[in-house]
Amino acid sequence: MPTDPTWQNTLTLDGAELRRVDSMLLMGDGTALGARSGIRPGDPGLTVTLAGSTINVSAGAAAVYRSGQGVYRAAMPSGVSPGALTAAHATLARIDLVYLRIWDTDIDASGLRQADVVYLAGTPASTPVAPAPAGTVIYIPLATISVPASGGGSPSVSSAVRPVTVAPGGILPAQTTTPATPYAGQAWHDGTDLKIWNGASVDTYAKVKTVAWTNLTLASGFTTPQGALSVVQYRVVTADGSNRVELRGGITCTSDVVTTTTFATMPAAARPTTNRSFTVARNYSASTCGSTRVEIAPSGVAQIYGSASPNQTSWFSLDGCSYVL
């Protein structure tokens, strides 16, 4: 059947039509005509605070989606208080809820057409949970208030339950889990890295990080640095989707190495899941080749390979060496 589009002369749209059209303005929720409820990223509005036992909510705006009804947009031009905190239980803790409610008498038969902030006290329990509004209630949560038992300390407010919404194609902030029913190309930031759903799995785009170098402790029989080289150091970095250990610096062998010898034990964070082997530069002369092998075991034991004179190892360099964990 035909429907009324917006912004045409002589057409009058009712509230439900306008709310459904407004779904175009917000990120979808994976359903037809669906939208994601929430406040805007970076918007400090609708923040819940306590002043003694009085609950205060700052001015702000939000979008509240109701399945089948579309998007309600509400703005609180000034701060409000939904009331005072219910007194603490004598022996049990409690979690309360503060939420933004849309009253629409066409849906909830409330006789009201307004938006307001509501306080709902939870049930005291040994393991309390936040309450949920009963019945046909159009709302989004703004905060929970943890209320300890009487004499157990002060109540604390958490805004972790407050949802955030963005325009279609926007990047959701502080999203630590994959959104429900994501679309290919949907992006979110988990607080550390950018994540994008590729249609089958999550691609992680890690930011370039500055990772400090740490000095490596050497076994007896080895000293650092060697000559003009730097002190031996390591660091763990993420590159191309995997964790790698980078090495640098030179080592002097106090006695020539003529057989496989342990020169260090790598710290736990730098130990590979299987043996890793790579070539390192070493002393060179007409009778001595200028490279040898280093091997790192899952136990962290790092060994340098040597052979009998004239091919013994008297020093070696780890500059430019790395291995995958």
Protein backbone atom coordinates (compact mmCIF):
# COMPACT_ATOMS: atom_id res chain seq x y z
CA MET A 1 0.00 0.00 0.00
CA PRO A 2 1.24 3.56 -0.62
CA THR A 3 2.60 5.67 2.23
CA ASP A 4 3.11 9.38 2.83
CA PRO A 5 6.64 10.67 2.19
CA THR A 6 7.86 13.70 4.13
CA TRP A 7 8.17 17.28 2.90
CA GLN A 8 5.38 17.31 0.31
CA ASN A 9 2.66 19.93 0.10
CA THR A 10 -0.88 19.03 1.22
CA LEU A 11 0.27 15.88 3.04
CA THR A 12 -0.27 15.51 6.77
CA LEU A 13 1.75 12.82 8.54
CA ASP A 14 0.71 11.43 11.91
CA GLY A 15 3.15 10.79 14.75
CA ALA A 16 3.76 7.13 13.91
CA GLU A 17 4.60 8.00 10.29
CA LEU A 18 7.07 10.68 11.36
CA ARG A 19 8.71 8.39 13.93
CA ARG A 20 9.16 5.62 11.39
CA VAL A 21 10.71 8.04 8.92
CA ASP A 22 13.08 9.22 11.66
CA SER A 23 14.60 5.73 11.73
CA MET A 24 16.55 6.95 8.70
CA LEU A 25 18.49 9.31 10.96
CA LEU A 26 20.02 6.65 13.24
CA MET A 27 22.17 3.56 12.95
CA GLY A 28 19.99 0.50 12.32
CA ASP A 29 19.53 -2.29 14.84
CA GLY A 30 19.41 -5.10 12.28
CA THR A 31 15.63 -5.04 11.83
CA ALA A 32 13.44 -3.45 9.16
CA LEU A 33 12.65 0.15 10.22
CA GLY A 34 14.71 -0.48 13.38
CA ALA A 35 17.05 2.07 14.94
CA ARG A 36 19.54 2.24 17.79
CA SER A 37 18.44 4.21 20.84
CA GLY A 38 20.78 6.43 22.81
CA ILE A 39 22.45 9.75 23.39
CA ARG A 40 25.03 11.29 21.06
CA PRO A 41 28.70 10.34 21.50
CA GLY A 42 30.53 12.95 23.54
CA ASP A 43 27.28 14.49 24.79
CA PRO A 44 27.47 15.06 28.57
CA GLY A 45 23.70 15.51 28.74
CA LEU A 46 21.34 13.33 30.77
CA THR A 47 24.09 12.59 33.27
CA VAL A 48 22.87 11.24 36.61
CA THR A 49 24.45 12.51 39.84
CA LEU A 50 23.69 12.40 43.55
CA ALA A 51 23.55 15.35 45.93
CA GLY A 52 23.08 13.66 49.26
CA SER A 53 19.99 11.56 48.71
CA THR A 54 18.66 13.75 45.87
CA ILE A 55 18.96 12.32 42.36
CA ASN A 56 19.77 14.89 39.67
CA VAL A 57 19.78 14.50 35.88
CA SER A 58 21.38 17.15 33.68
CA ALA A 59 19.80 18.67 30.59
CA GLY A 60 20.25 16.67 27.42
CA ALA A 61 18.73 14.98 24.41
CA ALA A 62 18.19 11.37 23.37
CA ALA A 63 16.54 9.18 20.77
CA VAL A 64 14.33 6.35 21.99
CA TYR A 65 13.34 3.64 19.52
CA ARG A 66 10.26 1.49 20.05
CA SER A 67 9.72 -1.55 17.84
CA GLY A 68 6.83 -0.93 15.45
CA GLN A 69 6.56 2.71 16.51
CA GLY A 70 9.79 4.27 15.26
CA VAL A 71 12.00 6.85 16.95
CA TYR A 72 10.94 9.27 19.67
CA ARG A 73 13.27 12.25 20.02
CA ALA A 74 13.26 14.01 23.37
CA ALA A 75 15.19 16.97 24.76
CA MET A 76 15.30 18.04 28.40
CA PRO A 77 16.17 21.77 28.24
CA SER A 78 17.07 21.95 31.93
CA GLY A 79 18.15 19.62 34.68
CA VAL A 80 15.50 17.61 36.52
CA SER A 81 15.25 15.41 39.60
CA PRO A 82 13.19 12.24 39.63
CA GLY A 83 13.14 12.32 43.42
CA ALA A 84 15.10 11.11 46.41
CA LEU A 85 16.98 7.87 46.81
CA THR A 86 15.08 5.19 48.70
CA ALA A 87 16.64 4.50 52.09
CA ALA A 88 19.17 1.67 52.26
CA HIS A 89 18.15 -1.77 53.47
CA ALA A 90 19.38 -2.76 56.91
CA THR A 91 21.46 -5.74 55.74
CA LEU A 92 21.22 -6.12 51.95
CA ALA A 93 22.56 -4.13 49.00
CA ARG A 94 20.40 -2.87 46.16
CA ILE A 95 20.77 -1.60 42.59
CA ASP A 96 18.39 1.15 41.41
CA LEU A 97 17.65 2.37 37.90
CA VAL A 98 17.21 5.88 36.48
CA TYR A 99 15.71 6.02 33.01
CA LEU A 100 14.32 8.41 30.41
CA ARG A 101 10.70 7.55 29.69
CA ILE A 102 8.47 8.53 26.81
CA TRP A 103 4.78 8.59 27.67
CA ASP A 104 2.60 8.04 24.58
CA THR A 105 -1.00 7.36 25.45
CA ASP A 106 -1.59 5.79 22.03
CA ILE A 107 0.80 3.03 23.08
CA ASP A 108 0.74 2.85 26.89
CA ALA A 109 -2.75 4.23 27.65
CA SER A 110 -1.16 6.53 30.23
CA GLY A 111 -3.19 9.56 29.21
CA LEU A 112 0.11 11.42 28.77
CA ARG A 113 2.20 12.67 25.89
CA GLN A 114 5.54 13.71 27.42
CA ALA A 115 9.11 12.76 28.23
CA ASP A 116 10.52 12.64 31.74
CA VAL A 117 13.13 10.99 33.95
CA VAL A 118 12.02 8.19 36.26
CA TYR A 119 13.68 6.62 39.30
CA LEU A 120 13.01 2.94 40.03
CA ALA A 121 14.39 1.41 43.22
CA GLY A 122 15.63 -2.14 42.99
CA THR A 123 15.06 -5.10 45.29
CA PRO A 124 17.56 -5.62 48.13
CA ALA A 125 19.38 -8.94 47.76
CA SER A 126 22.63 -10.70 48.53
CA THR A 127 23.37 -10.51 44.79
CA PRO A 128 21.29 -7.53 43.62
CA VAL A 129 20.40 -6.79 40.00
CA ALA A 130 19.03 -3.65 38.42
CA PRO A 131 15.24 -3.58 37.99
CA ALA A 132 13.45 -3.25 34.65
CA PRO A 133 10.30 -1.16 34.12
CA ALA A 134 7.21 -3.38 33.92
CA GLY A 135 4.45 -3.16 31.36
CA THR A 136 4.40 -1.12 28.16
CA VAL A 137 7.15 1.36 28.90
CA ILE A 138 9.07 3.25 26.20
CA TYR A 139 12.43 4.14 27.71
CA ILE A 140 16.22 4.04 27.69
CA PRO A 141 18.33 3.52 30.83
CA LEU A 142 20.47 6.45 31.95
CA ALA A 143 22.27 5.06 35.00
CA THR A 144 22.27 2.52 37.79
CA ILE A 145 22.81 3.44 41.43
CA SER A 146 24.47 0.88 43.67
CA VAL A 147 23.14 1.28 47.20
CA PRO A 148 25.04 -0.66 49.88
CA ALA A 149 23.35 -1.91 53.03
CA SER A 150 22.86 0.62 55.79
CA GLY A 151 26.23 1.62 57.22
CA GLY A 152 28.06 -0.02 54.31
CA GLY A 153 29.22 3.16 52.57
CA SER A 154 27.89 5.71 50.11
CA PRO A 155 25.75 4.96 47.03
CA SER A 156 27.56 5.14 43.68
CA VAL A 157 26.30 6.04 40.21
CA SER A 158 27.30 4.20 37.01
CA SER A 159 26.43 5.41 33.50
CA ALA A 160 27.62 2.17 31.88
CA VAL A 161 24.03 1.19 30.97
CA ARG A 162 23.40 4.42 29.04
CA PRO A 163 23.36 3.60 25.30
CA VAL A 164 25.02 5.70 22.62
CA THR A 165 23.74 6.10 19.09
CA VAL A 166 25.21 7.51 15.88
CA ALA A 167 24.04 8.34 12.40
CA PRO A 168 23.97 5.56 9.78
CA GLY A 169 27.57 4.65 8.93
CA GLY A 170 28.91 6.28 12.09
CA ILE A 171 31.48 4.75 14.41
CA LEU A 172 30.13 3.55 17.74
CA PRO A 173 32.42 4.53 20.62
CA ALA A 174 33.33 2.39 23.65
CA GLN A 175 31.74 -0.69 22.08
CA THR A 176 33.55 -3.65 23.66
CA THR A 177 31.49 -6.39 21.97
CA THR A 178 30.43 -6.97 18.39
CA PRO A 179 27.09 -5.20 17.77
CA ALA A 180 24.06 -7.44 17.36
CA THR A 181 23.35 -8.34 13.70
CA PRO A 182 26.18 -6.15 12.32
CA TYR A 183 26.21 -5.18 8.67
CA ALA A 184 29.26 -5.50 6.41
CA GLY A 185 31.31 -2.36 6.92
CA GLN A 186 29.87 -1.47 10.33
CA ALA A 187 32.54 0.18 12.47
CA TRP A 188 33.02 0.61 16.19
CA HIS A 189 35.82 1.52 18.56
CA ASP A 190 36.43 -0.64 21.62
CA GLY A 191 38.42 2.01 23.44
CA THR A 192 41.72 0.68 22.09
CA ASP A 193 41.34 -0.24 18.42
CA LEU A 194 38.97 0.34 15.51
CA LYS A 195 36.86 -2.72 14.65
CA ILE A 196 35.00 -3.30 11.37
CA TRP A 197 32.66 -6.18 10.53
CA ASN A 198 33.66 -7.58 7.12
CA GLY A 199 30.49 -9.60 6.63
CA ALA A 200 31.81 -12.74 8.29
CA SER A 201 34.19 -11.69 11.06
CA VAL A 202 35.77 -8.72 12.81
CA ASP A 203 38.76 -6.91 11.30
CA THR A 204 40.87 -5.06 13.88
CA TYR A 205 42.73 -1.90 12.91
CA ALA A 206 45.27 -1.33 15.66
CA LYS A 207 46.71 2.11 16.18
CA VAL A 208 50.45 2.66 15.90
CA LYS A 209 51.81 2.35 19.41
CA THR A 210 55.06 3.51 20.95
CA VAL A 211 56.47 0.51 22.80
CA ALA A 212 59.40 1.01 25.13
CA TRP A 213 62.55 -1.11 24.90
CA THR A 214 63.57 -3.22 27.91
CA ASN A 215 67.11 -4.34 28.71
CA LEU A 216 67.65 -8.10 28.45
CA THR A 217 69.47 -9.84 31.30
CA LEU A 218 72.28 -12.05 29.99
CA ALA A 219 73.53 -15.38 31.28
CA SER A 220 76.98 -15.85 32.77
CA GLY A 221 79.67 -15.72 30.10
CA PHE A 222 78.06 -12.91 28.12
CA THR A 223 78.23 -9.12 28.43
CA THR A 224 76.66 -6.20 26.63
CA PRO A 225 77.13 -4.05 24.69
CA GLN A 226 79.60 -5.29 22.13
CA GLY A 227 81.91 -2.58 20.84
CA ALA A 228 79.98 0.42 19.51
CA LEU A 229 76.67 -1.48 19.38
CA SER A 230 73.84 -0.70 21.80
CA VAL A 231 72.89 -2.60 24.94
CA VAL A 232 70.82 -5.72 24.18
CA GLN A 233 67.10 -4.93 24.50
CA TYR A 234 63.73 -6.38 23.49
CA ARG A 235 60.13 -5.22 23.06
CA VAL A 236 56.83 -6.89 22.18
CA VAL A 237 54.89 -5.21 19.35
CA THR A 238 51.78 -5.98 17.32
CA ALA A 239 52.38 -6.01 13.58
CA ASP A 240 50.30 -7.42 10.72
CA GLY A 241 47.84 -8.97 13.14
CA SER A 242 50.39 -10.88 15.21
CA ASN A 243 52.55 -10.22 18.23
CA ARG A 244 56.28 -10.06 17.55
CA VAL A 245 59.38 -9.66 19.66
CA GLU A 246 61.91 -7.18 18.31
CA LEU A 247 65.56 -7.32 19.40
CA ARG A 248 68.53 -4.97 19.17
CA GLY A 249 72.04 -4.57 20.55
CA GLY A 250 75.31 -6.50 20.61
CA ILE A 251 76.72 -9.19 22.90
CA THR A 252 80.32 -10.04 23.76
CA CYS A 253 81.17 -13.64 24.63
CA THR A 254 83.65 -13.62 27.52
CA SER A 255 84.84 -17.00 26.26
CA ASP A 256 84.57 -18.05 22.62
CA VAL A 257 81.41 -20.06 21.97
CA VAL A 258 82.26 -23.35 20.26
CA THR A 259 78.98 -25.18 20.89
CA THR A 260 75.32 -24.33 21.41
CA THR A 261 75.16 -22.13 24.51
CA THR A 262 72.40 -20.36 26.44
CA PHE A 263 73.00 -16.62 26.50
CA ALA A 264 69.68 -15.45 28.07
CA THR A 265 66.20 -16.49 29.20
CA MET A 266 63.47 -14.39 27.64
CA PRO A 267 60.82 -12.94 30.01
CA ALA A 268 57.40 -14.61 30.00
CA ALA A 269 55.84 -11.96 27.76
CA ALA A 270 58.49 -12.60 25.08
CA ARG A 271 58.36 -16.39 24.95
CA PRO A 272 57.16 -17.98 21.69
CA THR A 273 54.60 -20.76 21.46
CA THR A 274 57.07 -22.90 19.49
CA ASN A 275 60.79 -22.82 18.73
CA ARG A 276 61.87 -19.75 16.77
CA SER A 277 65.15 -19.60 14.87
CA PHE A 278 66.84 -16.74 13.03
CA THR A 279 70.22 -15.72 11.68
CA VAL A 280 72.40 -13.16 13.48
CA ALA A 281 75.56 -11.31 12.48
CA ARG A 282 78.74 -12.29 14.36
CA ASN A 283 82.52 -11.89 14.28
CA TYR A 284 84.03 -12.25 10.82
CA SER A 285 87.47 -12.97 9.45
CA ALA A 286 89.02 -14.78 6.53
CA SER A 287 88.55 -18.09 8.37
CA THR A 288 85.30 -17.27 10.23
CA CYS A 289 81.89 -16.88 8.58
CA GLY A 290 80.02 -13.73 9.58
CA SER A 291 76.73 -15.26 10.73
CA THR A 292 75.31 -17.93 13.00
CA ARG A 293 71.98 -19.07 14.40
CA VAL A 294 69.98 -18.06 17.47
CA GLU A 295 67.10 -20.18 18.71
CA ILE A 296 64.38 -19.19 21.23
CA ALA A 297 62.47 -22.03 22.93
CA PRO A 298 58.93 -21.82 24.37
CA SER A 299 60.58 -21.95 27.80
CA GLY A 300 62.30 -18.67 26.93
CA VAL A 301 65.77 -20.21 26.71
CA ALA A 302 67.77 -18.27 24.09
CA GLN A 303 70.76 -20.08 22.58
CA ILE A 304 73.58 -19.03 20.28
CA TYR A 305 75.21 -21.57 17.97
CA GLY A 306 78.99 -21.88 17.70
CA SER A 307 81.55 -24.28 16.32
CA ALA A 308 85.17 -25.18 17.03
CA SER A 309 88.08 -22.95 16.04
CA PRO A 310 88.49 -21.25 13.69
CA ASN A 311 84.71 -20.82 13.44
CA GLN A 312 83.99 -20.02 17.10
CA THR A 313 81.68 -17.12 18.06
CA SER A 314 83.27 -14.32 20.05
CA TRP A 315 80.51 -11.70 19.62
CA PHE A 316 77.16 -11.36 17.86
CA SER A 317 74.55 -8.73 17.12
CA LEU A 318 70.76 -8.89 17.52
CA ASP A 319 70.12 -5.67 15.58
CA GLY A 320 67.14 -6.07 13.25
CA CYS A 321 66.21 -9.52 14.58
CA SER A 322 62.65 -10.47 15.50
CA TYR A 323 60.39 -13.47 15.93
CA VAL A 324 56.66 -14.20 16.15
CA LEU A 325 55.25 -15.28 19.49
